[in-house]
């Protein structure tokens, strides 16, 4: 009996040795791919540690420089840093999202467009809303025009003018957050039902504390240890403090209140809540859901499907714009001469964006000064270069966008020069590494708007091929045109009227995480009227 037990133990040992050591290291199709760490073929611990320490993007940038465009991060995980045979294959080829997304981005326990893993239901959701986020629709939208007038002339510029008059500095990270949230919620719910964080500072600061309490290292556990975290919760071991869940609950309640405010105003046929602007996204989604529910039904309550989708839009719509505007204003504040050049360009707009003592602006329900057309602002070459360069060097989402290779034995995946990659392998690209390719972007660590102005056609086309601030393919950010139009207007309105200078930029270094805001989440600038 004893010899049989010994033999069984030896056989088990050999099988385990083969499965976890010999096969992944020597025989797996992934064994041909360079390992980012000597343990990568047999263990995910190295890459998990890198992610936990929040040094993933920079570490993998260095690894790609040394090892090439495709590298192995763990037994079943790859990173790519090339367009042909990499980004195009993965994100243009319909590779499905991983469970990483619903774990992080579902709201109310209900899937939304961004958290949906399968391509077909994602496409159905996207079709419901793609029209109201298209560039042509936004540029011609009367609601977007009114929102822009109200936010620029009755909120943003009066606040900046007061700061300039009193000679006080302000935290523009918080200011940009307020502007971005007011903009996106006004477009979703209408001006009267959206937030007014620009004026309501106490509410803004409370909400921002709630939001930032969720974007911490606590997200690592459910994000990367998808199976372990639920098991630990069942035995009473929490991987994050209760305050994180309470913050999420409060934010979800806040979003539901805005949904209910729109529905209440419609139910009572009270036009006062929507006379400034219509709830564009809310109406479009509600009508689409009504139609789809008649056709196929839904597994979730309609009001939560609506709220989950709109909460995702308001979250994504504020956080990425906040980050981009903050880094852009920091870079411009270091360069007074570039501010002057930008101002010269802005002064060509008709009508102008002047705001000052001679301009009398009434409340939002009366006629407000006209703004330059979105098309004319979009056509400004230097402004565009400044925004594009900020999105390149300081991408708001510099981290990985994981996908899963498809299970298709007759046609295995090829990435770069490596063939035969099986299904079920986690693969990802990231803006951080793509945007620092020195062959495409010379001197990639420098913020140089002129690279977009001085490049010849071939060079600019190549820069655009590698530009990934909004992703690519069918899953590309649906709000990219909204973000660009909003940011260009805000920058134009500010620098047509004021100069900015740095008072305190400690902690302005970009975080090395999925979202890449300033480490300090603040930037103190002083505004001076022209």
Protein backbone atom coordinates (compact mmCIF):
# COMPACT_ATOMS: atom_id res chain seq x y z
CA UNK A 1 0.00 0.00 0.00
CA UNK A 2 2.81 2.36 0.93
CA UNK A 3 4.58 1.98 -2.44
CA UNK A 4 1.29 2.75 -4.25
CA UNK A 5 0.85 5.92 -2.19
CA UNK A 6 4.39 6.96 -2.95
CA UNK A 7 3.86 6.33 -6.66
CA UNK A 8 0.62 8.34 -6.58
CA UNK A 9 2.43 11.23 -4.91
CA UNK A 10 5.22 11.11 -7.48
CA UNK A 11 2.72 11.03 -10.37
CA UNK A 12 0.82 13.94 -8.86
CA UNK A 13 4.06 15.87 -8.39
CA UNK A 14 5.11 15.21 -12.00
CA UNK A 15 1.69 16.29 -13.31
CA UNK A 16 1.77 19.48 -11.27
CA UNK A 17 5.35 20.14 -12.33
CA UNK A 18 4.36 19.70 -15.95
CA UNK A 19 1.21 21.85 -15.71
CA UNK A 20 2.60 24.75 -13.72
CA UNK A 21 6.30 24.75 -14.66
CA UNK A 22 7.30 22.78 -17.75
CA UNK A 23 4.32 23.49 -20.01
CA UNK A 24 3.97 27.27 -19.39
CA UNK A 25 7.74 27.79 -19.52
CA UNK A 26 8.75 25.56 -22.42
CA UNK A 27 5.74 24.24 -24.36
CA UNK A 28 3.00 26.85 -24.21
CA UNK A 29 2.47 29.01 -27.32
CA UNK A 30 3.19 31.94 -25.00
CA UNK A 31 6.63 30.56 -24.13
CA UNK A 32 8.07 32.17 -27.27
CA UNK A 33 7.09 35.64 -26.03
CA UNK A 34 9.65 37.56 -23.91
CA UNK A 35 8.94 37.48 -20.18
CA UNK A 36 8.69 40.88 -18.49
CA UNK A 37 10.03 39.15 -15.34
CA UNK A 38 11.79 35.80 -14.95
CA UNK A 39 8.78 34.41 -13.04
CA UNK A 40 6.15 35.64 -15.53
CA UNK A 41 5.69 32.24 -17.20
CA UNK A 42 4.81 30.46 -13.97
CA UNK A 43 3.27 33.08 -11.70
CA UNK A 44 1.17 36.28 -11.88
CA UNK A 45 2.65 37.56 -8.59
CA UNK A 46 5.15 39.92 -10.22
CA UNK A 47 2.59 41.80 -12.32
CA UNK A 48 0.10 41.82 -9.43
CA UNK A 49 2.74 43.42 -7.22
CA UNK A 50 3.56 46.00 -9.89
CA UNK A 51 -0.13 46.87 -10.17
CA UNK A 52 -0.58 47.02 -6.42
CA UNK A 53 2.37 49.41 -6.09
CA UNK A 54 0.88 51.65 -8.83
CA UNK A 55 3.97 51.52 -11.02
CA UNK A 56 2.51 49.39 -13.82
CA UNK A 57 2.50 51.88 -16.70
CA UNK A 58 6.04 53.13 -16.30
CA UNK A 59 7.41 49.65 -15.56
CA UNK A 60 5.86 48.20 -18.71
CA UNK A 61 7.04 51.17 -20.75
CA UNK A 62 10.61 50.26 -19.78
CA UNK A 63 9.99 46.56 -20.41
CA UNK A 64 8.60 47.19 -23.88
CA UNK A 65 11.63 49.34 -24.71
CA UNK A 66 13.93 46.48 -23.75
CA UNK A 67 11.94 43.46 -24.93
CA UNK A 68 9.81 44.56 -27.86
CA UNK A 69 6.17 45.27 -28.69
CA UNK A 70 4.68 42.08 -27.22
CA UNK A 71 5.65 40.88 -23.75
CA UNK A 72 4.40 38.31 -21.29
CA UNK A 73 3.28 39.60 -17.89
CA UNK A 74 2.05 36.37 -16.34
CA UNK A 75 1.20 32.78 -17.26
CA UNK A 76 -1.90 33.96 -19.12
CA UNK A 77 -1.40 37.71 -19.67
CA UNK A 78 0.26 39.75 -22.40
CA UNK A 79 0.92 43.43 -23.03
CA UNK A 80 1.13 44.91 -26.53
CA UNK A 81 2.69 48.17 -27.69
CA UNK A 82 2.26 48.25 -31.45
CA UNK A 83 -0.52 49.28 -33.81
CA UNK A 84 -0.29 46.75 -36.65
CA UNK A 85 -0.53 43.23 -35.27
CA UNK A 86 -1.39 44.62 -31.85
CA UNK A 87 -3.90 47.39 -31.15
CA UNK A 88 -5.71 46.90 -34.46
CA UNK A 89 -5.93 43.15 -33.99
CA UNK A 90 -7.24 43.36 -30.43
CA UNK A 91 -9.47 46.42 -30.43
CA UNK A 92 -10.45 46.45 -34.08
CA UNK A 93 -10.94 42.68 -34.16
CA UNK A 94 -13.73 42.51 -31.64
CA UNK A 95 -11.87 40.81 -28.79
CA UNK A 96 -14.28 40.65 -25.84
CA UNK A 97 -13.78 42.55 -22.61
CA UNK A 98 -12.82 40.65 -19.46
CA UNK A 99 -14.72 40.43 -16.16
CA UNK A 100 -12.47 43.25 -14.96
CA UNK A 101 -15.01 45.73 -16.39
CA UNK A 102 -18.30 44.72 -14.73
CA UNK A 103 -16.47 44.36 -11.42
CA UNK A 104 -15.38 47.99 -11.55
CA UNK A 105 -17.93 49.81 -13.67
CA UNK A 106 -21.38 48.36 -13.07
CA UNK A 107 -23.71 50.65 -11.14
CA UNK A 108 -26.63 49.45 -9.00
CA UNK A 109 -25.55 45.92 -9.93
CA UNK A 110 -26.78 46.62 -13.48
CA UNK A 111 -24.60 46.42 -16.62
CA UNK A 112 -24.08 49.53 -18.72
CA UNK A 113 -22.46 50.09 -22.09
CA UNK A 114 -18.93 50.40 -20.73
CA UNK A 115 -19.16 47.43 -18.36
CA UNK A 116 -20.77 45.08 -20.90
CA UNK A 117 -18.28 42.38 -21.85
CA UNK A 118 -19.86 40.95 -25.01
CA UNK A 119 -19.72 42.84 -28.28
CA UNK A 120 -23.27 42.24 -29.49
CA UNK A 121 -25.13 43.69 -26.46
CA UNK A 122 -22.56 46.48 -26.28
CA UNK A 123 -23.28 47.41 -29.90
CA UNK A 124 -27.02 47.46 -29.19
CA UNK A 125 -26.47 49.84 -26.26
CA UNK A 126 -24.14 52.05 -28.27
CA UNK A 127 -26.64 52.41 -31.11
CA UNK A 128 -29.13 53.87 -28.65
CA UNK A 129 -26.91 56.86 -27.91
CA UNK A 130 -24.29 57.28 -30.60
CA UNK A 131 -26.31 59.91 -32.47
CA UNK A 132 -26.47 62.44 -29.61
CA UNK A 133 -22.70 62.12 -29.07
CA UNK A 134 -21.74 62.49 -32.73
CA UNK A 135 -19.64 65.51 -33.69
CA UNK A 136 -22.19 66.84 -36.19
CA UNK A 137 -25.05 66.60 -33.68
CA UNK A 138 -23.09 68.31 -30.90
CA UNK A 139 -21.88 71.14 -33.09
CA UNK A 140 -25.39 71.95 -34.29
CA UNK A 141 -27.31 71.20 -31.07
CA UNK A 142 -29.36 74.13 -29.72
CA UNK A 143 -29.32 72.47 -26.29
CA UNK A 144 -25.54 72.22 -26.31
CA UNK A 145 -25.37 75.87 -27.37
CA UNK A 146 -27.58 76.95 -24.47
CA UNK A 147 -25.70 74.79 -21.98
CA UNK A 148 -22.43 76.33 -23.14
CA UNK A 149 -23.77 79.88 -22.80
CA UNK A 150 -25.16 79.27 -19.32
CA UNK A 151 -22.06 77.56 -17.97
CA UNK A 152 -19.56 79.98 -19.50
CA UNK A 153 -21.34 83.29 -18.91
CA UNK A 154 -23.26 82.69 -15.65
CA UNK A 155 -20.93 80.30 -13.84
CA UNK A 156 -17.32 79.90 -15.00
CA UNK A 157 -16.34 83.43 -16.06
CA UNK A 158 -18.09 85.27 -13.18
CA UNK A 159 -16.24 83.02 -10.72
CA UNK A 160 -12.89 83.62 -12.41
CA UNK A 161 -13.54 87.35 -12.64
CA UNK A 162 -14.25 87.51 -8.92
CA UNK A 163 -11.02 85.62 -8.17
CA UNK A 164 -9.05 87.94 -10.46
CA UNK A 165 -10.60 91.05 -8.88
CA UNK A 166 -9.71 89.87 -5.37
CA UNK A 167 -6.28 88.63 -6.44
CA UNK A 168 -6.90 85.19 -4.95
CA UNK A 169 -5.61 81.88 -6.22
CA UNK A 170 -7.82 78.83 -6.54
CA UNK A 171 -7.55 75.08 -6.91
CA UNK A 172 -8.25 74.51 -10.58
CA UNK A 173 -8.51 70.74 -10.17
CA UNK A 174 -11.66 71.31 -8.12
CA UNK A 175 -12.80 74.06 -10.48
CA UNK A 176 -12.30 71.84 -13.54
CA UNK A 177 -14.12 69.01 -11.80
CA UNK A 178 -17.08 71.30 -11.16
CA UNK A 179 -17.10 72.59 -14.72
CA UNK A 180 -16.88 69.10 -16.20
CA UNK A 181 -19.62 67.69 -13.98
CA UNK A 182 -21.93 70.64 -14.59
CA UNK A 183 -21.38 70.28 -18.35
CA UNK A 184 -22.05 66.55 -18.63
CA UNK A 185 -25.02 66.47 -16.23
CA UNK A 186 -26.57 69.46 -18.02
CA UNK A 187 -26.33 67.56 -21.30
CA UNK A 188 -27.71 64.38 -19.75
CA UNK A 189 -30.46 65.81 -17.52
CA UNK A 190 -30.90 69.43 -18.67
CA UNK A 191 -29.35 72.51 -17.07
CA UNK A 192 -31.98 72.82 -14.36
CA UNK A 193 -31.80 69.18 -13.29
CA UNK A 194 -28.02 68.80 -13.49
CA UNK A 195 -25.38 69.74 -10.93
CA UNK A 196 -24.29 73.28 -10.11
CA UNK A 197 -20.94 72.45 -8.56
CA UNK A 198 -19.30 75.63 -9.86
CA UNK A 199 -21.34 77.73 -7.44
CA UNK A 200 -22.20 75.13 -4.77
CA UNK A 201 -18.69 74.66 -3.40
CA UNK A 202 -19.58 72.78 -0.20
CA UNK A 203 -21.61 70.20 -2.12
CA UNK A 204 -18.84 69.97 -4.70
CA UNK A 205 -16.13 69.34 -2.10
CA UNK A 206 -18.25 66.72 -0.33
CA UNK A 207 -18.97 64.91 -3.59
CA UNK A 208 -15.32 65.05 -4.62
CA UNK A 209 -14.26 63.51 -1.30
CA UNK A 210 -16.75 60.70 -1.84
CA UNK A 211 -15.49 60.07 -5.33
CA UNK A 212 -11.81 60.15 -4.43
CA UNK A 213 -12.34 57.73 -1.54
CA UNK A 214 -13.29 55.11 -4.14
CA UNK A 215 -10.30 55.67 -6.44
CA UNK A 216 -7.68 54.26 -4.09
CA UNK A 217 -5.60 51.14 -3.69
CA UNK A 218 -8.76 49.42 -2.43
CA UNK A 219 -9.85 49.05 -6.05
CA UNK A 220 -6.94 46.69 -6.64
CA UNK A 221 -8.54 43.76 -4.84
CA UNK A 222 -11.81 43.42 -6.76
CA UNK A 223 -10.08 44.62 -9.93
CA UNK A 224 -7.28 42.07 -10.10
CA UNK A 225 -8.34 39.29 -7.72
CA UNK A 226 -11.80 38.71 -9.12
CA UNK A 227 -12.31 35.29 -7.56
CA UNK A 228 -10.52 35.80 -4.27
CA UNK A 229 -12.28 38.98 -3.15
CA UNK A 230 -15.83 37.47 -3.14
CA UNK A 231 -14.62 34.38 -1.28
CA UNK A 232 -13.00 36.50 1.42
CA UNK A 233 -16.17 38.57 1.78
CA UNK A 234 -18.17 35.40 2.44
CA UNK A 235 -15.99 34.60 5.44
CA UNK A 236 -16.16 38.14 6.75
CA UNK A 237 -12.86 39.48 5.44
CA UNK A 238 -13.40 42.79 3.68
CA UNK A 239 -10.82 44.02 1.19
CA UNK A 240 -11.92 47.64 1.50
CA UNK A 241 -13.30 49.76 4.34
CA UNK A 242 -17.02 50.31 4.72
CA UNK A 243 -16.64 54.01 3.85
CA UNK A 244 -15.87 53.07 0.24
CA UNK A 245 -19.17 51.23 -0.16
CA UNK A 246 -21.02 54.02 1.64
CA UNK A 247 -19.50 56.56 -0.74
CA UNK A 248 -20.66 54.50 -3.73
CA UNK A 249 -24.15 54.23 -2.25
CA UNK A 250 -24.39 57.99 -1.77
CA UNK A 251 -23.22 58.71 -5.32
CA UNK A 252 -25.74 56.24 -6.71
CA UNK A 253 -28.54 57.91 -4.72
CA UNK A 254 -27.44 61.31 -6.08
CA UNK A 255 -27.62 60.03 -9.65
CA UNK A 256 -31.07 58.52 -9.10
CA UNK A 257 -32.33 61.84 -7.77
CA UNK A 258 -31.43 63.55 -11.03
CA UNK A 259 -33.20 60.83 -13.00
CA UNK A 260 -36.29 61.21 -10.82
CA UNK A 261 -36.19 65.01 -11.15
CA UNK A 262 -36.42 64.72 -14.93
CA UNK A 263 -39.23 62.19 -14.76
CA UNK A 264 -41.14 64.26 -12.20
CA UNK A 265 -40.97 67.38 -14.36
CA UNK A 266 -42.24 65.43 -17.36
CA UNK A 267 -45.00 63.75 -15.38
CA UNK A 268 -46.28 67.08 -14.12
CA UNK A 269 -45.89 68.65 -17.57
CA UNK A 270 -43.90 71.39 -15.87
CA UNK A 271 -41.67 72.94 -18.48
CA UNK A 272 -39.84 75.12 -15.97
CA UNK A 273 -37.34 72.33 -15.28
CA UNK A 274 -36.40 71.98 -18.94
CA UNK A 275 -36.88 75.41 -20.44
CA UNK A 276 -33.16 76.18 -20.44
CA UNK A 277 -32.20 72.95 -22.16
CA UNK A 278 -33.71 69.55 -22.72
CA UNK A 279 -32.36 66.40 -21.02
CA UNK A 280 -30.80 65.27 -24.27
CA UNK A 281 -29.16 61.98 -23.26
CA UNK A 282 -31.89 61.05 -20.78
CA UNK A 283 -34.61 61.47 -23.39
CA UNK A 284 -32.70 59.58 -26.06
CA UNK A 285 -31.94 56.65 -23.78
CA UNK A 286 -35.42 56.52 -22.26
CA UNK A 287 -37.03 56.40 -25.69
CA UNK A 288 -34.60 53.72 -26.89
CA UNK A 289 -35.18 51.59 -23.79
CA UNK A 290 -38.93 51.89 -24.21
CA UNK A 291 -38.62 50.61 -27.75
CA UNK A 292 -36.22 47.80 -26.89
CA UNK A 293 -38.31 46.62 -23.92
CA UNK A 294 -41.27 46.14 -26.24
CA UNK A 295 -39.11 44.13 -28.60
CA UNK A 296 -37.11 41.91 -26.26
CA UNK A 297 -37.69 42.84 -22.63
CA UNK A 298 -34.97 43.33 -20.02
CA UNK A 299 -33.74 41.41 -17.01
CA UNK A 300 -33.36 44.55 -14.90
CA UNK A 301 -35.77 47.26 -13.72
CA UNK A 302 -35.98 49.98 -16.35
CA UNK A 303 -35.21 52.84 -13.94
CA UNK A 304 -31.98 51.13 -12.84
CA UNK A 305 -30.93 50.36 -16.42
CA UNK A 306 -31.40 54.05 -17.17
CA UNK A 307 -29.60 55.19 -14.01
CA UNK A 308 -26.66 52.79 -14.45
CA UNK A 309 -25.99 54.00 -17.98
CA UNK A 310 -26.34 57.68 -17.14
CA UNK A 311 -24.19 57.35 -14.03
CA UNK A 312 -21.44 55.85 -16.17
CA UNK A 313 -21.66 58.83 -18.52
CA UNK A 314 -21.53 61.39 -15.74
CA UNK A 315 -18.58 59.65 -14.08
CA UNK A 316 -16.55 59.25 -17.27
CA UNK A 317 -17.64 62.66 -18.50
CA UNK A 318 -16.24 64.50 -15.51
CA UNK A 319 -13.14 62.58 -14.46
CA UNK A 320 -11.29 62.47 -17.78
CA UNK A 321 -12.05 66.11 -18.62
CA UNK A 322 -11.02 67.23 -15.13
CA UNK A 323 -7.64 65.54 -15.48
CA UNK A 324 -6.96 66.82 -18.99
CA UNK A 325 -7.90 70.44 -18.25
CA UNK A 326 -5.80 70.45 -15.07
CA UNK A 327 -2.64 69.26 -16.81
CA UNK A 328 -3.31 71.57 -19.77
CA UNK A 329 -3.62 74.62 -17.51
CA UNK A 330 -0.48 73.62 -15.64
CA UNK A 331 1.51 73.38 -18.86
CA UNK A 332 0.17 76.71 -20.15
CA UNK A 333 0.81 78.42 -16.81
CA UNK A 334 4.49 77.55 -17.16
CA UNK A 335 4.61 79.22 -20.58
CA UNK A 336 3.39 82.86 -20.65
CA UNK A 337 4.59 83.26 -24.23
CA UNK A 338 2.42 80.35 -25.37
CA UNK A 339 -0.56 81.90 -23.58
CA UNK A 340 0.04 85.06 -25.62
CA UNK A 341 0.19 83.10 -28.88
CA UNK A 342 -3.00 81.26 -27.99
CA UNK A 343 -4.72 84.51 -27.07
CA UNK A 344 -3.80 86.01 -30.42
CA UNK A 345 -5.48 83.06 -32.10
CA UNK A 346 -8.55 83.29 -29.85
CA UNK A 347 -9.00 86.96 -30.71
CA UNK A 348 -9.75 85.94 -34.31
CA UNK A 349 -13.03 84.33 -33.21
CA UNK A 350 -16.30 86.03 -34.15
CA UNK A 351 -18.16 86.74 -31.97
CA UNK A 352 -15.45 87.07 -29.39
CA UNK A 353 -15.35 85.52 -25.94
CA UNK A 354 -14.88 88.79 -24.05
CA UNK A 355 -16.03 88.94 -20.43
CA UNK A 356 -15.42 91.96 -18.25
CA UNK A 357 -16.90 94.96 -16.48
CA UNK A 358 -18.52 96.38 -19.63
CA UNK A 359 -20.37 93.13 -20.33
CA UNK A 360 -23.71 92.93 -18.54
CA UNK A 361 -24.84 89.34 -18.10
CA UNK A 362 -28.23 88.59 -16.63
CA UNK A 363 -29.56 85.34 -15.21
CA UNK A 364 -29.58 82.19 -17.25
CA UNK A 365 -33.22 82.56 -18.25
CA UNK A 366 -32.62 85.72 -20.27
CA UNK A 367 -30.68 86.26 -23.46
CA UNK A 368 -26.98 85.59 -23.02
CA UNK A 369 -24.14 86.74 -25.28
CA UNK A 370 -23.55 84.55 -28.30
CA UNK A 371 -20.56 82.23 -28.31
CA UNK A 372 -18.33 81.52 -31.27
CA UNK A 373 -19.58 78.48 -33.18
CA UNK A 374 -18.15 75.11 -32.11
CA UNK A 375 -16.84 74.67 -35.65
CA UNK A 376 -14.86 77.92 -35.52
CA UNK A 377 -13.33 76.99 -32.15
CA UNK A 378 -12.53 73.49 -33.39
CA UNK A 379 -10.70 74.96 -36.39
CA UNK A 380 -8.14 76.84 -34.26
CA UNK A 381 -4.84 75.09 -34.99
CA UNK A 382 -2.86 76.11 -31.90
CA UNK A 383 -5.73 75.38 -29.52
CA UNK A 384 -6.14 71.96 -31.11
CA UNK A 385 -2.41 71.27 -30.81
CA UNK A 386 -2.43 72.23 -27.11
CA UNK A 387 -5.34 69.91 -26.38
CA UNK A 388 -3.93 67.04 -28.44
CA UNK A 389 -0.50 67.26 -26.85
CA UNK A 390 -2.01 67.26 -23.37
CA UNK A 391 -4.07 64.19 -24.24
CA UNK A 392 -0.92 62.52 -25.56
CA UNK A 393 1.46 63.18 -22.68
CA UNK A 394 -1.11 63.28 -19.87
CA UNK A 395 -3.74 60.81 -21.03
CA UNK A 396 -6.52 60.78 -18.46
CA UNK A 397 -6.74 56.98 -18.83
CA UNK A 398 -3.12 55.89 -19.31
CA UNK A 399 -3.64 52.39 -17.97
CA UNK A 400 -4.52 49.02 -19.52
CA UNK A 401 -7.68 48.22 -21.48
CA UNK A 402 -7.82 44.43 -21.03
CA UNK A 403 -9.40 42.09 -23.55
CA UNK A 404 -9.56 38.30 -23.97
CA UNK A 405 -8.25 36.45 -27.01
CA UNK A 406 -11.07 34.58 -28.79
CA UNK A 407 -11.47 30.80 -28.62
CA UNK A 408 -11.04 29.83 -32.26
CA UNK A 409 -8.82 26.71 -32.57
CA UNK A 410 -8.91 26.84 -36.36
CA UNK A 411 -7.58 30.40 -36.40
CA UNK A 412 -5.44 31.19 -33.33
CA UNK A 413 -4.49 34.78 -32.62
CA UNK A 414 -1.33 36.38 -33.96
CA UNK A 415 0.15 39.35 -32.11
CA UNK A 416 3.26 40.95 -33.55
CA UNK A 417 5.51 38.14 -34.74
CA UNK A 418 4.00 35.59 -32.35
CA UNK A 419 1.49 33.10 -33.77
CA UNK A 420 -0.71 30.40 -32.28
CA UNK A 421 -1.86 32.38 -29.24
CA UNK A 422 -4.79 30.41 -27.80
CA UNK A 423 -8.15 31.71 -26.62
CA UNK A 424 -8.68 32.99 -23.09
CA UNK A 425 -5.42 34.94 -22.80
CA UNK A 426 -5.71 38.41 -21.24
CA UNK A 427 -4.17 41.03 -23.55
CA UNK A 428 -4.03 44.80 -23.22
CA UNK A 429 -2.60 47.97 -24.67
CA UNK A 430 -2.23 51.29 -22.88
CA UNK A 431 -2.00 54.93 -23.91
CA UNK A 432 0.99 55.51 -21.60
CA UNK A 433 3.32 53.33 -23.66
CA UNK A 434 1.80 53.99 -27.08
CA UNK A 435 2.12 57.75 -26.63
CA UNK A 436 5.79 57.52 -25.70
CA UNK A 437 7.03 55.83 -28.85
CA UNK A 438 10.01 58.04 -29.69
CA UNK A 439 9.99 56.95 -33.33
CA UNK A 440 6.53 58.50 -33.67
CA UNK A 441 6.74 61.26 -31.07
CA UNK A 442 10.36 62.53 -30.89
CA UNK A 443 11.33 63.64 -27.39
CA UNK A 444 8.20 61.88 -26.10
CA UNK A 445 8.46 63.01 -22.47
CA UNK A 446 8.32 66.68 -23.42
CA UNK A 447 5.04 68.60 -23.78
CA UNK A 448 5.40 70.11 -27.25
CA UNK A 449 2.22 71.33 -28.95
CA UNK A 450 4.33 72.44 -31.89
CA UNK A 451 4.84 68.79 -32.88
CA UNK A 452 1.21 68.83 -34.10
CA UNK A 453 1.68 72.12 -35.96
CA UNK A 454 5.02 71.50 -37.64
CA UNK A 455 4.68 67.87 -38.68
CA UNK A 456 4.37 67.03 -42.36
CA UNK A 457 1.34 65.04 -43.51
CA UNK A 458 2.97 61.61 -43.20
CA UNK A 459 4.32 62.35 -39.71
CA UNK A 460 0.98 63.69 -38.52
CA UNK A 461 -0.87 60.70 -39.94
CA UNK A 462 1.51 58.41 -38.06
CA UNK A 463 1.00 60.36 -34.82
CA UNK A 464 -2.75 60.01 -35.24
CA UNK A 465 -2.39 56.26 -35.84
CA UNK A 466 -0.66 55.91 -32.49
CA UNK A 467 -2.91 58.38 -30.67
CA UNK A 468 -5.04 56.41 -28.21
CA UNK A 469 -6.43 58.85 -25.66
CA UNK A 470 -9.98 57.71 -26.47
CA UNK A 471 -9.23 54.12 -27.41
CA UNK A 472 -10.11 52.70 -30.84
CA UNK A 473 -12.45 50.32 -32.59
CA UNK A 474 -16.07 49.63 -31.74
CA UNK A 475 -15.40 50.28 -28.06
CA UNK A 476 -13.84 53.71 -28.61
CA UNK A 477 -15.06 56.31 -26.10
CA UNK A 478 -18.56 57.39 -27.13
CA UNK A 479 -18.06 60.80 -25.51
CA UNK A 480 -14.84 61.78 -27.28
CA UNK A 481 -16.45 64.51 -29.41
CA UNK A 482 -18.34 65.87 -26.41
CA UNK A 483 -15.11 66.05 -24.42
CA UNK A 484 -13.17 67.79 -27.19
CA UNK A 485 -15.89 70.38 -27.80
CA UNK A 486 -16.27 71.09 -24.09
CA UNK A 487 -12.54 71.34 -23.38
CA UNK A 488 -11.79 73.60 -26.32
CA UNK A 489 -14.61 75.96 -25.32
CA UNK A 490 -13.48 76.11 -21.68
CA UNK A 491 -9.83 76.75 -22.59
CA UNK A 492 -10.84 79.37 -25.14
CA UNK A 493 -13.14 81.16 -22.67
CA UNK A 494 -10.46 81.25 -19.95
CA UNK A 495 -7.46 82.34 -21.99
CA UNK A 496 -9.38 84.91 -24.03
CA UNK A 497 -9.92 86.78 -20.75
CA UNK A 498 -7.20 85.86 -18.26
CA UNK A 499 -3.62 84.85 -17.82
CA UNK A 500 -2.77 82.06 -15.40
CA UNK A 501 0.30 81.56 -13.23
CA UNK A 502 1.31 78.82 -10.82
CA UNK A 503 0.96 79.41 -7.09
CA UNK A 504 1.41 75.81 -5.89
CA UNK A 505 1.91 72.79 -8.13
CA UNK A 506 3.26 70.36 -5.56
CA UNK A 507 2.08 66.85 -6.34
CA UNK A 508 1.28 67.64 -9.97
CA UNK A 509 3.08 64.48 -11.12
CA UNK A 510 0.73 62.10 -12.88
CA UNK A 511 -0.45 59.01 -11.04
CA UNK A 512 0.59 55.68 -12.52
CA UNK A 513 -2.81 54.00 -12.44
CA UNK A 514 -5.72 53.17 -14.71
CA UNK A 515 -6.84 56.78 -14.24
CA UNK A 516 -3.94 59.22 -14.26
CA UNK A 517 -4.80 62.37 -12.35
CA UNK A 518 -2.31 64.51 -10.39
CA UNK A 519 -0.96 62.73 -7.31
CA UNK A 520 -2.12 65.59 -5.09
CA UNK A 521 -5.51 66.01 -6.81
CA UNK A 522 -4.95 69.77 -6.75
CA UNK A 523 -3.29 72.64 -8.58
CA UNK A 524 -3.32 76.21 -7.30
CA UNK A 525 -3.31 78.91 -9.99
CA UNK A 526 -3.77 82.68 -10.00
CA UNK A 527 -5.96 84.35 -12.63
CA UNK A 528 -5.28 87.88 -13.82
CA UNK A 529 -7.61 89.82 -16.08
CA UNK A 530 -6.14 91.05 -19.35
